[in-house]
């Protein structure tokens, strides 16, 4: 299994005086030490990227990757749970199915976590 630096990851824009590019640095912190994850560049004279903010948008998406992965894993677990529940209940009475539903450990996805990950990926806080 591939390993990656655990989140949360953060994105910071920086522009040095006299520099012709704006950098976006994606990083995290471990015990107060910054750990570099990735970097995107947006050159001032690059009309495609500077006009559309593509580099900055990419940096936001990269920074949100750990949260998006967790949101996807949570949703898949919930989906599998619902699918298994439906398969188990086929052929059972509704009353028995409702009784079993209450006894099962429901891993419903936290939609707020998913919404936060999407907002972060789109550049919001």
PDB file of N, CA and C in Angstrom:
ATOM      1  N   UNK A   1       0.842  -1.186   0.000  1.00  0.00           N
ATOM      2  CA  UNK A   1       0.000   0.000   0.000  1.00  0.00           C
ATOM      3  C   UNK A   1       0.884   1.246   0.000  1.00  0.00           C
ATOM      4  N   UNK A   2       0.506   2.218  -0.794  1.00  0.00           N
ATOM      5  CA  UNK A   2       1.256   3.469  -0.846  1.00  0.00           C
ATOM      6  C   UNK A   2       1.007   4.278   0.412  1.00  0.00           C
ATOM      7  N   UNK A   3       2.047   4.891   0.883  1.00  0.00           N
ATOM      8  CA  UNK A   3       1.930   5.761   2.049  1.00  0.00           C
ATOM      9  C   UNK A   3       2.122   7.197   1.592  1.00  0.00           C
ATOM     10  N   UNK A   4       1.496   8.092   2.294  1.00  0.00           N
ATOM     11  CA  UNK A   4       1.692   9.508   2.025  1.00  0.00           C
ATOM     12  C   UNK A   4       1.724  10.250   3.347  1.00  0.00           C
ATOM     13  N   UNK A   5       2.178  11.464   3.320  1.00  0.00           N
ATOM     14  CA  UNK A   5       2.236  12.288   4.522  1.00  0.00           C
ATOM     15  C   UNK A   5       0.815  12.574   4.980  1.00  0.00           C
ATOM     16  N   UNK A   6       0.487  12.245   6.236  1.00  0.00           N
ATOM     17  CA  UNK A   6      -0.877  12.468   6.711  1.00  0.00           C
ATOM     18  C   UNK A   6      -1.229  13.959   6.736  1.00  0.00           C
ATOM     19  N   UNK A   7      -2.516  14.226   6.620  1.00  0.00           N
ATOM     20  CA  UNK A   7      -3.007  15.601   6.653  1.00  0.00           C
ATOM     21  C   UNK A   7      -3.189  16.086   8.069  1.00  0.00           C
ATOM     22  N   UNK A   8      -3.691  17.264   8.244  1.00  0.00           N
ATOM     23  CA  UNK A   8      -4.145  18.148   7.168  1.00  0.00           C
ATOM     24  C   UNK A   8      -2.975  18.824   6.469  1.00  0.00           C
ATOM     25  N   UNK A   9      -3.181  19.095   5.180  1.00  0.00           N
ATOM     26  CA  UNK A   9      -2.206  19.840   4.407  1.00  0.00           C
ATOM     27  C   UNK A   9      -2.717  21.268   4.274  1.00  0.00           C
ATOM     28  N   UNK A  10      -1.797  22.191   4.182  1.00  0.00           N
ATOM     29  CA  UNK A  10      -2.161  23.602   4.054  1.00  0.00           C
ATOM     30  C   UNK A  10      -1.518  24.168   2.798  1.00  0.00           C
ATOM     31  N   UNK A  11      -2.099  25.255   2.301  1.00  0.00           N
ATOM     32  CA  UNK A  11      -1.577  25.913   1.116  1.00  0.00           C
ATOM     33  C   UNK A  11      -1.268  27.363   1.473  1.00  0.00           C
ATOM     34  N   UNK A  12      -0.120  27.818   1.023  1.00  0.00           N
ATOM     35  CA  UNK A  12       0.266  29.205   1.264  1.00  0.00           C
ATOM     36  C   UNK A  12       0.784  29.793  -0.035  1.00  0.00           C
ATOM     37  N   UNK A  13       0.264  30.971  -0.400  1.00  0.00           N
ATOM     38  CA  UNK A  13       0.757  31.676  -1.575  1.00  0.00           C
ATOM     39  C   UNK A  13       1.932  32.548  -1.152  1.00  0.00           C
ATOM     40  N   UNK A  14       2.925  32.639  -2.009  1.00  0.00           N
ATOM     41  CA  UNK A  14       4.045  33.523  -1.712  1.00  0.00           C
ATOM     42  C   UNK A  14       4.558  34.131  -2.998  1.00  0.00           C
ATOM     43  N   UNK A  15       4.975  35.362  -2.895  1.00  0.00           N
ATOM     44  CA  UNK A  15       5.593  36.042  -4.034  1.00  0.00           C
ATOM     45  C   UNK A  15       6.750  36.855  -3.494  1.00  0.00           C
ATOM     46  N   UNK A  16       7.923  36.572  -4.002  1.00  0.00           N
ATOM     47  CA  UNK A  16       9.110  37.297  -3.574  1.00  0.00           C
ATOM     48  C   UNK A  16       9.251  38.576  -4.388  1.00  0.00           C
ATOM     49  N   UNK A  17       9.784  39.598  -3.763  1.00  0.00           N
ATOM     50  CA  UNK A  17       9.972  40.882  -4.438  1.00  0.00           C
ATOM     51  C   UNK A  17      10.809  40.695  -5.698  1.00  0.00           C
ATOM     52  N   UNK A  18      10.342  41.258  -6.800  1.00  0.00           N
ATOM     53  CA  UNK A  18      11.062  41.179  -8.060  1.00  0.00           C
ATOM     54  C   UNK A  18      10.912  39.854  -8.774  1.00  0.00           C
ATOM     55  N   UNK A  19      10.215  38.929  -8.175  1.00  0.00           N
ATOM     56  CA  UNK A  19      10.035  37.613  -8.781  1.00  0.00           C
ATOM     57  C   UNK A  19       8.932  37.702  -9.820  1.00  0.00           C
ATOM     58  N   UNK A  20       9.056  36.933 -10.867  1.00  0.00           N
ATOM     59  CA  UNK A  20       8.070  36.942 -11.942  1.00  0.00           C
ATOM     60  C   UNK A  20       7.044  35.824 -11.795  1.00  0.00           C
ATOM     61  N   UNK A  21       7.002  35.204 -10.643  1.00  0.00           N
ATOM     62  CA  UNK A  21       6.041  34.123 -10.462  1.00  0.00           C
ATOM     63  C   UNK A  21       5.458  34.169  -9.059  1.00  0.00           C
ATOM     64  N   UNK A  22       4.291  33.628  -8.932  1.00  0.00           N
ATOM     65  CA  UNK A  22       3.678  33.450  -7.628  1.00  0.00           C
ATOM     66  C   UNK A  22       3.719  31.961  -7.326  1.00  0.00           C
ATOM     67  N   UNK A  23       4.281  31.623  -6.197  1.00  0.00           N
ATOM     68  CA  UNK A  23       4.376  30.227  -5.791  1.00  0.00           C
ATOM     69  C   UNK A  23       3.241  29.895  -4.838  1.00  0.00           C
ATOM     70  N   UNK A  24       2.789  28.666  -4.913  1.00  0.00           N
ATOM     71  CA  UNK A  24       1.867  28.121  -3.923  1.00  0.00           C
ATOM     72  C   UNK A  24       2.564  26.905  -3.324  1.00  0.00           C
ATOM     73  N   UNK A  25       2.729  26.930  -2.049  1.00  0.00           N
ATOM     74  CA  UNK A  25       3.415  25.844  -1.366  1.00  0.00           C
ATOM     75  C   UNK A  25       2.385  25.051  -0.578  1.00  0.00           C
ATOM     76  N   UNK A  26       2.410  23.745  -0.744  1.00  0.00           N
ATOM     77  CA  UNK A  26       1.523  22.859   0.015  1.00  0.00           C
ATOM     78  C   UNK A  26       2.414  22.174   1.048  1.00  0.00           C
ATOM     79  N   UNK A  27       1.993  22.256   2.309  1.00  0.00           N
ATOM     80  CA  UNK A  27       2.831  21.739   3.384  1.00  0.00           C
ATOM     81  C   UNK A  27       1.966  21.253   4.542  1.00  0.00           C
ATOM     82  N   UNK A  28       2.597  20.586   5.471  1.00  0.00           N
ATOM     83  CA  UNK A  28       1.958  20.221   6.724  1.00  0.00           C
ATOM     84  C   UNK A  28       2.982  20.444   7.823  1.00  0.00           C
ATOM     85  N   UNK A  29       2.574  20.273   9.039  1.00  0.00           N
ATOM     86  CA  UNK A  29       3.485  20.424  10.172  1.00  0.00           C
ATOM     87  C   UNK A  29       3.476  19.150  11.000  1.00  0.00           C
ATOM     88  N   UNK A  30       4.657  18.767  11.444  1.00  0.00           N
ATOM     89  CA  UNK A  30       4.800  17.619  12.337  1.00  0.00           C
ATOM     90  C   UNK A  30       5.669  18.070  13.502  1.00  0.00           C
ATOM     91  N   UNK A  31       5.068  18.147  14.662  1.00  0.00           N
ATOM     92  CA  UNK A  31       5.763  18.615  15.871  1.00  0.00           C
ATOM     93  C   UNK A  31       6.418  19.972  15.633  1.00  0.00           C
ATOM     94  N   UNK A  32       5.690  20.868  14.978  1.00  0.00           N
ATOM     95  CA  UNK A  32       6.163  22.220  14.747  1.00  0.00           C
ATOM     96  C   UNK A  32       7.084  22.388  13.553  1.00  0.00           C
ATOM     97  N   UNK A  33       7.465  21.309  12.909  1.00  0.00           N
ATOM     98  CA  UNK A  33       8.367  21.382  11.757  1.00  0.00           C
ATOM     99  C   UNK A  33       7.544  21.311  10.474  1.00  0.00           C
ATOM    100  N   UNK A  34       7.780  22.277   9.572  1.00  0.00           N
ATOM    101  CA  UNK A  34       7.062  22.283   8.290  1.00  0.00           C
ATOM    102  C   UNK A  34       7.615  21.186   7.389  1.00  0.00           C
ATOM    103  N   UNK A  35       6.701  20.460   6.763  1.00  0.00           N
ATOM    104  CA  UNK A  35       7.069  19.395   5.828  1.00  0.00           C
ATOM    105  C   UNK A  35       6.507  19.761   4.461  1.00  0.00           C
ATOM    106  N   UNK A  36       7.383  19.903   3.487  1.00  0.00           N
ATOM    107  CA  UNK A  36       7.015  20.286   2.127  1.00  0.00           C
ATOM    108  C   UNK A  36       6.315  19.117   1.439  1.00  0.00           C
ATOM    109  N   UNK A  37       5.145  19.375   0.868  1.00  0.00           N
ATOM    110  CA  UNK A  37       4.382  18.352   0.144  1.00  0.00           C
ATOM    111  C   UNK A  37       4.524  18.567  -1.366  1.00  0.00           C
ATOM    112  N   UNK A  38       4.219  19.780  -1.805  1.00  0.00           N
ATOM    113  CA  UNK A  38       4.242  20.081  -3.235  1.00  0.00           C
ATOM    114  C   UNK A  38       4.316  21.586  -3.433  1.00  0.00           C
ATOM    115  N   UNK A  39       4.490  21.971  -4.691  1.00  0.00           N
ATOM    116  CA  UNK A  39       4.568  23.386  -5.020  1.00  0.00           C
ATOM    117  C   UNK A  39       3.987  23.587  -6.411  1.00  0.00           C
ATOM    118  N   UNK A  40       3.254  24.664  -6.588  1.00  0.00           N
ATOM    119  CA  UNK A  40       2.755  25.029  -7.911  1.00  0.00           C
ATOM    120  C   UNK A  40       3.270  26.426  -8.230  1.00  0.00           C
ATOM    121  N   UNK A  41       3.362  26.734  -9.510  1.00  0.00           N
ATOM    122  CA  UNK A  41       3.882  28.024  -9.947  1.00  0.00           C
ATOM    123  C   UNK A  41       2.881  28.692 -10.863  1.00  0.00           C
ATOM    124  N   UNK A  42       2.805  29.998 -10.742  1.00  0.00           N
ATOM    125  CA  UNK A  42       1.962  30.785 -11.634  1.00  0.00           C
ATOM    126  C   UNK A  42       2.795  31.957 -12.124  1.00  0.00           C
ATOM    127  N   UNK A  43       3.329  31.847 -13.325  1.00  0.00           N
ATOM    128  CA  UNK A  43       4.166  32.899 -13.882  1.00  0.00           C
ATOM    129  C   UNK A  43       3.319  34.091 -14.289  1.00  0.00           C
ATOM    130  N   UNK A  44       3.814  35.279 -14.010  1.00  0.00           N
ATOM    131  CA  UNK A  44       3.087  36.511 -14.309  1.00  0.00           C
ATOM    132  C   UNK A  44       2.799  36.661 -15.799  1.00  0.00           C
ATOM    133  N   UNK A  45       3.725  36.230 -16.652  1.00  0.00           N
ATOM    134  CA  UNK A  45       3.547  36.407 -18.095  1.00  0.00           C
ATOM    135  C   UNK A  45       2.881  35.196 -18.753  1.00  0.00           C
ATOM    136  N   UNK A  46       2.409  34.264 -17.969  1.00  0.00           N
ATOM    137  CA  UNK A  46       1.700  33.090 -18.491  1.00  0.00           C
ATOM    138  C   UNK A  46       0.216  33.446 -18.528  1.00  0.00           C
ATOM    139  N   UNK A  47      -0.267  33.889 -19.686  1.00  0.00           N
ATOM    140  CA  UNK A  47      -1.635  34.410 -19.770  1.00  0.00           C
ATOM    141  C   UNK A  47      -2.687  33.359 -19.418  1.00  0.00           C
ATOM    142  N   UNK A  48      -2.455  32.097 -19.742  1.00  0.00           N
ATOM    143  CA  UNK A  48      -3.442  31.062 -19.442  1.00  0.00           C
ATOM    144  C   UNK A  48      -3.579  30.859 -17.939  1.00  0.00           C
ATOM    145  N   UNK A  49      -2.461  30.638 -17.249  1.00  0.00           N
ATOM    146  CA  UNK A  49      -2.520  30.362 -15.813  1.00  0.00           C
ATOM    147  C   UNK A  49      -2.809  31.591 -14.972  1.00  0.00           C
ATOM    148  N   UNK A  50      -2.195  32.731 -15.301  1.00  0.00           N
ATOM    149  CA  UNK A  50      -2.397  33.906 -14.459  1.00  0.00           C
ATOM    150  C   UNK A  50      -3.810  34.457 -14.616  1.00  0.00           C
ATOM    151  N   UNK A  51      -4.362  34.362 -15.813  1.00  0.00           N
ATOM    152  CA  UNK A  51      -5.711  34.882 -16.024  1.00  0.00           C
ATOM    153  C   UNK A  51      -6.749  34.001 -15.349  1.00  0.00           C
ATOM    154  N   UNK A  52      -6.522  32.719 -15.346  1.00  0.00           N
ATOM    155  CA  UNK A  52      -7.528  31.800 -14.825  1.00  0.00           C
ATOM    156  C   UNK A  52      -7.252  31.311 -13.418  1.00  0.00           C
ATOM    157  N   UNK A  53      -6.091  31.601 -12.865  1.00  0.00           N
ATOM    158  CA  UNK A  53      -5.763  31.149 -11.520  1.00  0.00           C
ATOM    159  C   UNK A  53      -5.639  29.640 -11.404  1.00  0.00           C
ATOM    160  N   UNK A  54      -5.236  28.991 -12.486  1.00  0.00           N
ATOM    161  CA  UNK A  54      -5.173  27.532 -12.515  1.00  0.00           C
ATOM    162  C   UNK A  54      -4.189  27.001 -11.480  1.00  0.00           C
ATOM    163  N   UNK A  55      -3.036  27.635 -11.371  1.00  0.00           N
ATOM    164  CA  UNK A  55      -2.021  27.159 -10.430  1.00  0.00           C
ATOM    165  C   UNK A  55      -2.520  27.232  -8.985  1.00  0.00           C
ATOM    166  N   UNK A  56      -3.196  28.308  -8.648  1.00  0.00           N
ATOM    167  CA  UNK A  56      -3.733  28.468  -7.292  1.00  0.00           C
ATOM    168  C   UNK A  56      -4.838  27.451  -7.044  1.00  0.00           C
ATOM    169  N   UNK A  57      -5.702  27.255  -8.024  1.00  0.00           N
ATOM    170  CA  UNK A  57      -6.772  26.257  -7.878  1.00  0.00           C
ATOM    171  C   UNK A  57      -6.190  24.858  -7.709  1.00  0.00           C
ATOM    172  N   UNK A  58      -5.133  24.554  -8.479  1.00  0.00           N
ATOM    173  CA  UNK A  58      -4.483  23.244  -8.327  1.00  0.00           C
ATOM    174  C   UNK A  58      -3.909  23.082  -6.931  1.00  0.00           C
ATOM    175  N   UNK A  59      -3.306  24.131  -6.397  1.00  0.00           N
ATOM    176  CA  UNK A  59      -2.729  24.067  -5.052  1.00  0.00           C
ATOM    177  C   UNK A  59      -3.812  23.811  -4.001  1.00  0.00           C
ATOM    178  N   UNK A  60      -4.951  24.463  -4.141  1.00  0.00           N
ATOM    179  CA  UNK A  60      -6.070  24.214  -3.207  1.00  0.00           C
ATOM    180  C   UNK A  60      -6.514  22.760  -3.274  1.00  0.00           C
ATOM    181  N   UNK A  61      -6.614  22.230  -4.484  1.00  0.00           N
ATOM    182  CA  UNK A  61      -7.044  20.840  -4.659  1.00  0.00           C
ATOM    183  C   UNK A  61      -6.037  19.874  -4.042  1.00  0.00           C
ATOM    184  N   UNK A  62      -4.757  20.113  -4.268  1.00  0.00           N
ATOM    185  CA  UNK A  62      -3.722  19.252  -3.689  1.00  0.00           C
ATOM    186  C   UNK A  62      -3.791  19.306  -2.168  1.00  0.00           C
ATOM    187  N   UNK A  63      -3.937  20.511  -1.621  1.00  0.00           N
ATOM    188  CA  UNK A  63      -3.972  20.666  -0.161  1.00  0.00           C
ATOM    189  C   UNK A  63      -5.170  19.948   0.464  1.00  0.00           C
ATOM    190  N   UNK A  64      -6.245  19.821  -0.279  1.00  0.00           N
ATOM    191  CA  UNK A  64      -7.450  19.159   0.246  1.00  0.00           C
ATOM    192  C   UNK A  64      -7.421  17.643   0.064  1.00  0.00           C
ATOM    193  N   UNK A  65      -6.398  17.110  -0.592  1.00  0.00           N
ATOM    194  CA  UNK A  65      -6.353  15.682  -0.919  1.00  0.00           C
ATOM    195  C   UNK A  65      -6.578  14.754   0.280  1.00  0.00           C
ATOM    196  N   UNK A  66      -5.932  14.954   1.432  1.00  0.00           N
ATOM    197  CA  UNK A  66      -6.175  14.023   2.544  1.00  0.00           C
ATOM    198  C   UNK A  66      -7.630  14.019   3.016  1.00  0.00           C
ATOM    199  N   UNK A  67      -8.243  15.201   3.098  1.00  0.00           N
ATOM    200  CA  UNK A  67      -9.640  15.279   3.521  1.00  0.00           C
ATOM    201  C   UNK A  67     -10.568  14.654   2.485  1.00  0.00           C
ATOM    202  N   UNK A  68     -10.272  14.881   1.203  1.00  0.00           N
ATOM    203  CA  UNK A  68     -11.096  14.284   0.153  1.00  0.00           C
ATOM    204  C   UNK A  68     -10.992  12.765   0.167  1.00  0.00           C
ATOM    205  N   UNK A  69      -9.787  12.249   0.404  1.00  0.00           N
ATOM    206  CA  UNK A  69      -9.611  10.798   0.501  1.00  0.00           C
ATOM    207  C   UNK A  69     -10.428  10.235   1.664  1.00  0.00           C
ATOM    208  N   UNK A  70     -10.362  10.866   2.817  1.00  0.00           N
ATOM    209  CA  UNK A  70     -11.125  10.383   3.976  1.00  0.00           C
ATOM    210  C   UNK A  70     -12.625  10.456   3.721  1.00  0.00           C
ATOM    211  N   UNK A  71     -13.076  11.534   3.070  1.00  0.00           N
ATOM    212  CA  UNK A  71     -14.499  11.659   2.753  1.00  0.00           C
ATOM    213  C   UNK A  71     -14.940  10.538   1.814  1.00  0.00           C
ATOM    214  N   UNK A  72     -14.120  10.225   0.822  1.00  0.00           N
ATOM    215  CA  UNK A  72     -14.444   9.140  -0.111  1.00  0.00           C
ATOM    216  C   UNK A  72     -14.468   7.798   0.606  1.00  0.00           C
ATOM    217  N   UNK A  73     -13.493   7.552   1.472  1.00  0.00           N
ATOM    218  CA  UNK A  73     -13.448   6.289   2.204  1.00  0.00           C
ATOM    219  C   UNK A  73     -14.669   6.146   3.115  1.00  0.00           C
ATOM    220  N   UNK A  74     -15.074   7.242   3.749  1.00  0.00           N
ATOM    221  CA  UNK A  74     -16.253   7.220   4.614  1.00  0.00           C
ATOM    222  C   UNK A  74     -17.503   6.917   3.800  1.00  0.00           C
ATOM    223  N   UNK A  75     -17.629   7.571   2.652  1.00  0.00           N
ATOM    224  CA  UNK A  75     -18.807   7.341   1.816  1.00  0.00           C
ATOM    225  C   UNK A  75     -18.865   5.898   1.331  1.00  0.00           C
ATOM    226  N   UNK A  76     -17.718   5.363   0.894  1.00  0.00           N
ATOM    227  CA  UNK A  76     -17.688   3.980   0.397  1.00  0.00           C
ATOM    228  C   UNK A  76     -18.075   3.009   1.518  1.00  0.00           C
ATOM    229  N   UNK A  77     -17.576   3.241   2.734  1.00  0.00           N
ATOM    230  CA  UNK A  77     -17.938   2.371   3.864  1.00  0.00           C
ATOM    231  C   UNK A  77     -19.437   2.439   4.118  1.00  0.00           C
ATOM    232  N   UNK A  78     -19.997   3.641   4.062  1.00  0.00           N
ATOM    233  CA  UNK A  78     -21.437   3.799   4.279  1.00  0.00           C
ATOM    234  C   UNK A  78     -22.228   3.119   3.160  1.00  0.00           C
ATOM    235  N   UNK A  79     -21.784   3.308   1.924  1.00  0.00           N
ATOM    236  CA  UNK A  79     -22.465   2.698   0.782  1.00  0.00           C
ATOM    237  C   UNK A  79     -22.443   1.168   0.900  1.00  0.00           C
ATOM    238  N   UNK A  80     -21.284   0.611   1.253  1.00  0.00           N
ATOM    239  CA  UNK A  80     -21.183  -0.838   1.438  1.00  0.00           C
ATOM    240  C   UNK A  80     -22.111  -1.313   2.547  1.00  0.00           C
ATOM    241  N   UNK A  81     -22.176  -0.545   3.621  1.00  0.00           N
ATOM    242  CA  UNK A  81     -23.055  -0.876   4.748  1.00  0.00           C
ATOM    243  C   UNK A  81     -24.513  -0.926   4.292  1.00  0.00           C
ATOM    244  N   UNK A  82     -24.951   0.101   3.573  1.00  0.00           N
ATOM    245  CA  UNK A  82     -26.334   0.152   3.083  1.00  0.00           C
ATOM    246  C   UNK A  82     -26.597  -1.015   2.129  1.00  0.00           C
ATOM    247  N   UNK A  83     -25.647  -1.273   1.238  1.00  0.00           N
ATOM    248  CA  UNK A  83     -25.818  -2.379   0.283  1.00  0.00           C
ATOM    249  C   UNK A  83     -25.927  -3.716   1.006  1.00  0.00           C
ATOM    250  N   UNK A  84     -25.055  -3.939   1.980  1.00  0.00           N
ATOM    251  CA  UNK A  84     -25.108  -5.189   2.745  1.00  0.00           C
ATOM    252  C   UNK A  84     -26.401  -5.302   3.529  1.00  0.00           C
ATOM    253  N   UNK A  85     -26.847  -4.190   4.101  1.00  0.00           N
ATOM    254  CA  UNK A  85     -28.096  -4.200   4.851  1.00  0.00           C
ATOM    255  C   UNK A  85     -29.267  -4.573   3.938  1.00  0.00           C
ATOM    256  N   UNK A  86     -29.302  -3.970   2.757  1.00  0.00           N
ATOM    257  CA  UNK A  86     -30.392  -4.273   1.831  1.00  0.00           C
ATOM    258  C   UNK A  86     -30.358  -5.737   1.423  1.00  0.00           C
ATOM    259  N   UNK A  87     -29.173  -6.282   1.173  1.00  0.00           N
ATOM    260  CA  UNK A  87     -29.059  -7.686   0.784  1.00  0.00           C
ATOM    261  C   UNK A  87     -29.522  -8.610   1.910  1.00  0.00           C
ATOM    262  N   UNK A  88     -29.178  -8.262   3.152  1.00  0.00           N
ATOM    263  CA  UNK A  88     -29.571  -9.086   4.295  1.00  0.00           C
ATOM    264  C   UNK A  88     -31.074  -9.048   4.524  1.00  0.00           C
ATOM    265  N   UNK A  89     -31.699  -7.937   4.175  1.00  0.00           N
ATOM    266  CA  UNK A  89     -33.122  -7.770   4.462  1.00  0.00           C
ATOM    267  C   UNK A  89     -34.039  -8.290   3.362  1.00  0.00           C
ATOM    268  N   UNK A  90     -33.492  -8.647   2.220  1.00  0.00           N
ATOM    269  CA  UNK A  90     -34.345  -9.172   1.158  1.00  0.00           C
ATOM    270  C   UNK A  90     -35.035 -10.437   1.657  1.00  0.00           C
ATOM    271  N   UNK A  91     -36.310 -10.481   1.495  1.00  0.00           N
ATOM    272  CA  UNK A  91     -37.062 -11.654   1.909  1.00  0.00           C
ATOM    273  C   UNK A  91     -37.491 -11.620   3.369  1.00  0.00           C
ATOM    274  N   UNK A  92     -37.053 -10.645   4.149  1.00  0.00           N
ATOM    275  CA  UNK A  92     -37.477 -10.541   5.544  1.00  0.00           C
ATOM    276  C   UNK A  92     -38.662  -9.593   5.630  1.00  0.00           C
ATOM    277  N   UNK A  93     -39.381  -9.711   6.705  1.00  0.00           N
ATOM    278  CA  UNK A  93     -40.514  -8.813   6.893  1.00  0.00           C
ATOM    279  C   UNK A  93     -40.001  -7.411   7.223  1.00  0.00           C
ATOM    280  N   UNK A  94     -40.813  -6.408   6.938  1.00  0.00           N
ATOM    281  CA  UNK A  94     -40.446  -5.026   7.212  1.00  0.00           C
ATOM    282  C   UNK A  94     -40.185  -4.820   8.698  1.00  0.00           C
ATOM    283  N   UNK A  95     -41.005  -5.416   9.533  1.00  0.00           N
ATOM    284  CA  UNK A  95     -40.836  -5.258  10.984  1.00  0.00           C
ATOM    285  C   UNK A  95     -39.476  -5.818  11.423  1.00  0.00           C
ATOM    286  N   UNK A  96     -39.104  -6.984  10.914  1.00  0.00           N
ATOM    287  CA  UNK A  96     -37.816  -7.594  11.268  1.00  0.00           C
ATOM    288  C   UNK A  96     -36.669  -6.749  10.725  1.00  0.00           C
ATOM    289  N   UNK A  97     -36.831  -6.218   9.526  1.00  0.00           N
ATOM    290  CA  UNK A  97     -35.789  -5.382   8.930  1.00  0.00           C
ATOM    291  C   UNK A  97     -35.582  -4.117   9.765  1.00  0.00           C
ATOM    292  N   UNK A  98     -36.669  -3.481  10.203  1.00  0.00           N
ATOM    293  CA  UNK A  98     -36.556  -2.273  11.020  1.00  0.00           C
ATOM    294  C   UNK A  98     -35.890  -2.582  12.355  1.00  0.00           C
ATOM    295  N   UNK A  99     -36.176  -3.741  12.932  1.00  0.00           N
ATOM    296  CA  UNK A  99     -35.550  -4.144  14.188  1.00  0.00           C
ATOM    297  C   UNK A  99     -34.048  -4.314  13.980  1.00  0.00           C
ATOM    298  N   UNK A 100     -33.655  -4.997  12.910  1.00  0.00           N
ATOM    299  CA  UNK A 100     -32.238  -5.212  12.624  1.00  0.00           C
ATOM    300  C   UNK A 100     -31.520  -3.891  12.348  1.00  0.00           C
ATOM    301  N   UNK A 101     -32.195  -2.962  11.683  1.00  0.00           N
ATOM    302  CA  UNK A 101     -31.584  -1.674  11.362  1.00  0.00           C
ATOM    303  C   UNK A 101     -31.134  -0.961  12.636  1.00  0.00           C
ATOM    304  N   UNK A 102     -31.988  -0.957  13.640  1.00  0.00           N
ATOM    305  CA  UNK A 102     -31.659  -0.288  14.887  1.00  0.00           C
ATOM    306  C   UNK A 102     -30.506  -0.947  15.624  1.00  0.00           C
ATOM    307  N   UNK A 103     -30.279  -2.234  15.399  1.00  0.00           N
ATOM    308  CA  UNK A 103     -29.214  -2.956  16.093  1.00  0.00           C
ATOM    309  C   UNK A 103     -27.873  -2.862  15.375  1.00  0.00           C
ATOM    310  N   UNK A 104     -27.888  -2.460  14.118  1.00  0.00           N
ATOM    311  CA  UNK A 104     -26.643  -2.407  13.348  1.00  0.00           C
ATOM    312  C   UNK A 104     -25.885  -1.119  13.672  1.00  0.00           C
ATOM    313  N   UNK A 105     -24.576  -1.183  13.569  1.00  0.00           N
ATOM    314  CA  UNK A 105     -23.725  -0.022  13.793  1.00  0.00           C
ATOM    315  C   UNK A 105     -23.673   0.777  12.503  1.00  0.00           C
ATOM    316  N   UNK A 106     -24.419   1.844  12.436  1.00  0.00           N
ATOM    317  CA  UNK A 106     -24.554   2.627  11.217  1.00  0.00           C
ATOM    318  C   UNK A 106     -23.375   3.595  11.059  1.00  0.00           C
ATOM    319  N   UNK A 107     -22.503   3.374  10.060  1.00  0.00           N
ATOM    320  CA  UNK A 107     -21.373   4.287   9.849  1.00  0.00           C
ATOM    321  C   UNK A 107     -21.732   5.417   8.896  1.00  0.00           C
ATOM    322  N   UNK A 108     -22.890   6.053   9.089  1.00  0.00           N
ATOM    323  CA  UNK A 108     -23.314   7.103   8.165  1.00  0.00           C
ATOM    324  C   UNK A 108     -22.217   8.133   7.973  1.00  0.00           C
ATOM    325  N   UNK A 109     -22.001   8.538   6.738  1.00  0.00           N
ATOM    326  CA  UNK A 109     -20.942   9.518   6.492  1.00  0.00           C
ATOM    327  C   UNK A 109     -21.316  10.865   7.091  1.00  0.00           C
ATOM    328  N   UNK A 110     -20.336  11.536   7.627  1.00  0.00           N
ATOM    329  CA  UNK A 110     -20.548  12.879   8.141  1.00  0.00           C
ATOM    330  C   UNK A 110     -20.503  13.821   6.943  1.00  0.00           C
ATOM    331  N   UNK A 111     -21.663  14.235   6.508  1.00  0.00           N
ATOM    332  CA  UNK A 111     -21.763  15.065   5.307  1.00  0.00           C
ATOM    333  C   UNK A 111     -21.036  16.388   5.503  1.00  0.00           C
ATOM    334  N   UNK A 112     -20.993  16.894   6.748  1.00  0.00           N
ATOM    335  CA  UNK A 112     -20.289  18.154   6.984  1.00  0.00           C
ATOM    336  C   UNK A 112     -18.803  18.020   6.686  1.00  0.00           C
ATOM    337  N   UNK A 113     -18.198  16.865   7.020  1.00  0.00           N
ATOM    338  CA  UNK A 113     -16.781  16.648   6.715  1.00  0.00           C
ATOM    339  C   UNK A 113     -16.575  16.644   5.201  1.00  0.00           C
ATOM    340  N   UNK A 114     -17.503  16.014   4.490  1.00  0.00           N
ATOM    341  CA  UNK A 114     -17.408  15.987   3.035  1.00  0.00           C
ATOM    342  C   UNK A 114     -17.538  17.393   2.457  1.00  0.00           C
ATOM    343  N   UNK A 115     -18.491  18.163   2.961  1.00  0.00           N
ATOM    344  CA  UNK A 115     -18.681  19.528   2.474  1.00  0.00           C
ATOM    345  C   UNK A 115     -17.448  20.386   2.753  1.00  0.00           C
ATOM    346  N   UNK A 116     -16.848  20.220   3.932  1.00  0.00           N
ATOM    347  CA  UNK A 116     -15.638  20.979   4.271  1.00  0.00           C
ATOM    348  C   UNK A 116     -14.486  20.626   3.331  1.00  0.00           C
ATOM    349  N   UNK A 117     -14.340  19.342   3.007  1.00  0.00           N
ATOM    350  CA  UNK A 117     -13.270  18.916   2.104  1.00  0.00           C
ATOM    351  C   UNK A 117     -13.482  19.502   0.708  1.00  0.00           C
ATOM    352  N   UNK A 118     -14.718  19.510   0.249  1.00  0.00           N
ATOM    353  CA  UNK A 118     -15.028  20.077  -1.068  1.00  0.00           C
ATOM    354  C   UNK A 118     -14.755  21.578  -1.076  1.00  0.00           C
ATOM    355  N   UNK A 119     -15.170  22.263  -0.013  1.00  0.00           N
ATOM    356  CA  UNK A 119     -14.925  23.705   0.084  1.00  0.00           C
ATOM    357  C   UNK A 119     -13.437  24.003   0.068  1.00  0.00           C
ATOM    358  N   UNK A 120     -12.652  23.232   0.816  1.00  0.00           N
ATOM    359  CA  UNK A 120     -11.200  23.428   0.835  1.00  0.00           C
ATOM    360  C   UNK A 120     -10.601  23.182  -0.540  1.00  0.00           C
ATOM    361  N   UNK A 121     -11.052  22.142  -1.221  1.00  0.00           N
ATOM    362  CA  UNK A 121     -10.541  21.831  -2.557  1.00  0.00           C
ATOM    363  C   UNK A 121     -10.834  22.950  -3.552  1.00  0.00           C
ATOM    364  N   UNK A 122     -11.936  23.680  -3.317  1.00  0.00           N
ATOM    365  CA  UNK A 122     -12.311  24.769  -4.207  1.00  0.00           C
ATOM    366  C   UNK A 122     -11.698  26.102  -3.798  1.00  0.00           C
ATOM    367  N   UNK A 123     -10.861  26.071  -2.746  1.00  0.00           N
ATOM    368  CA  UNK A 123     -10.142  27.285  -2.355  1.00  0.00           C
ATOM    369  C   UNK A 123     -10.728  28.015  -1.175  1.00  0.00           C
ATOM    370  N   UNK A 124     -11.797  27.499  -0.591  1.00  0.00           N
ATOM    371  CA  UNK A 124     -12.376  28.133   0.596  1.00  0.00           C
ATOM    372  C   UNK A 124     -11.732  27.600   1.848  1.00  0.00           C
ATOM    373  N   UNK A 125     -12.051  28.185   2.944  1.00  0.00           N
ATOM    374  CA  UNK A 125     -11.476  27.718   4.223  1.00  0.00           C
ATOM    375  C   UNK A 125     -12.430  26.770   4.810  1.00  0.00           C
TER     376      UNK A 125
END
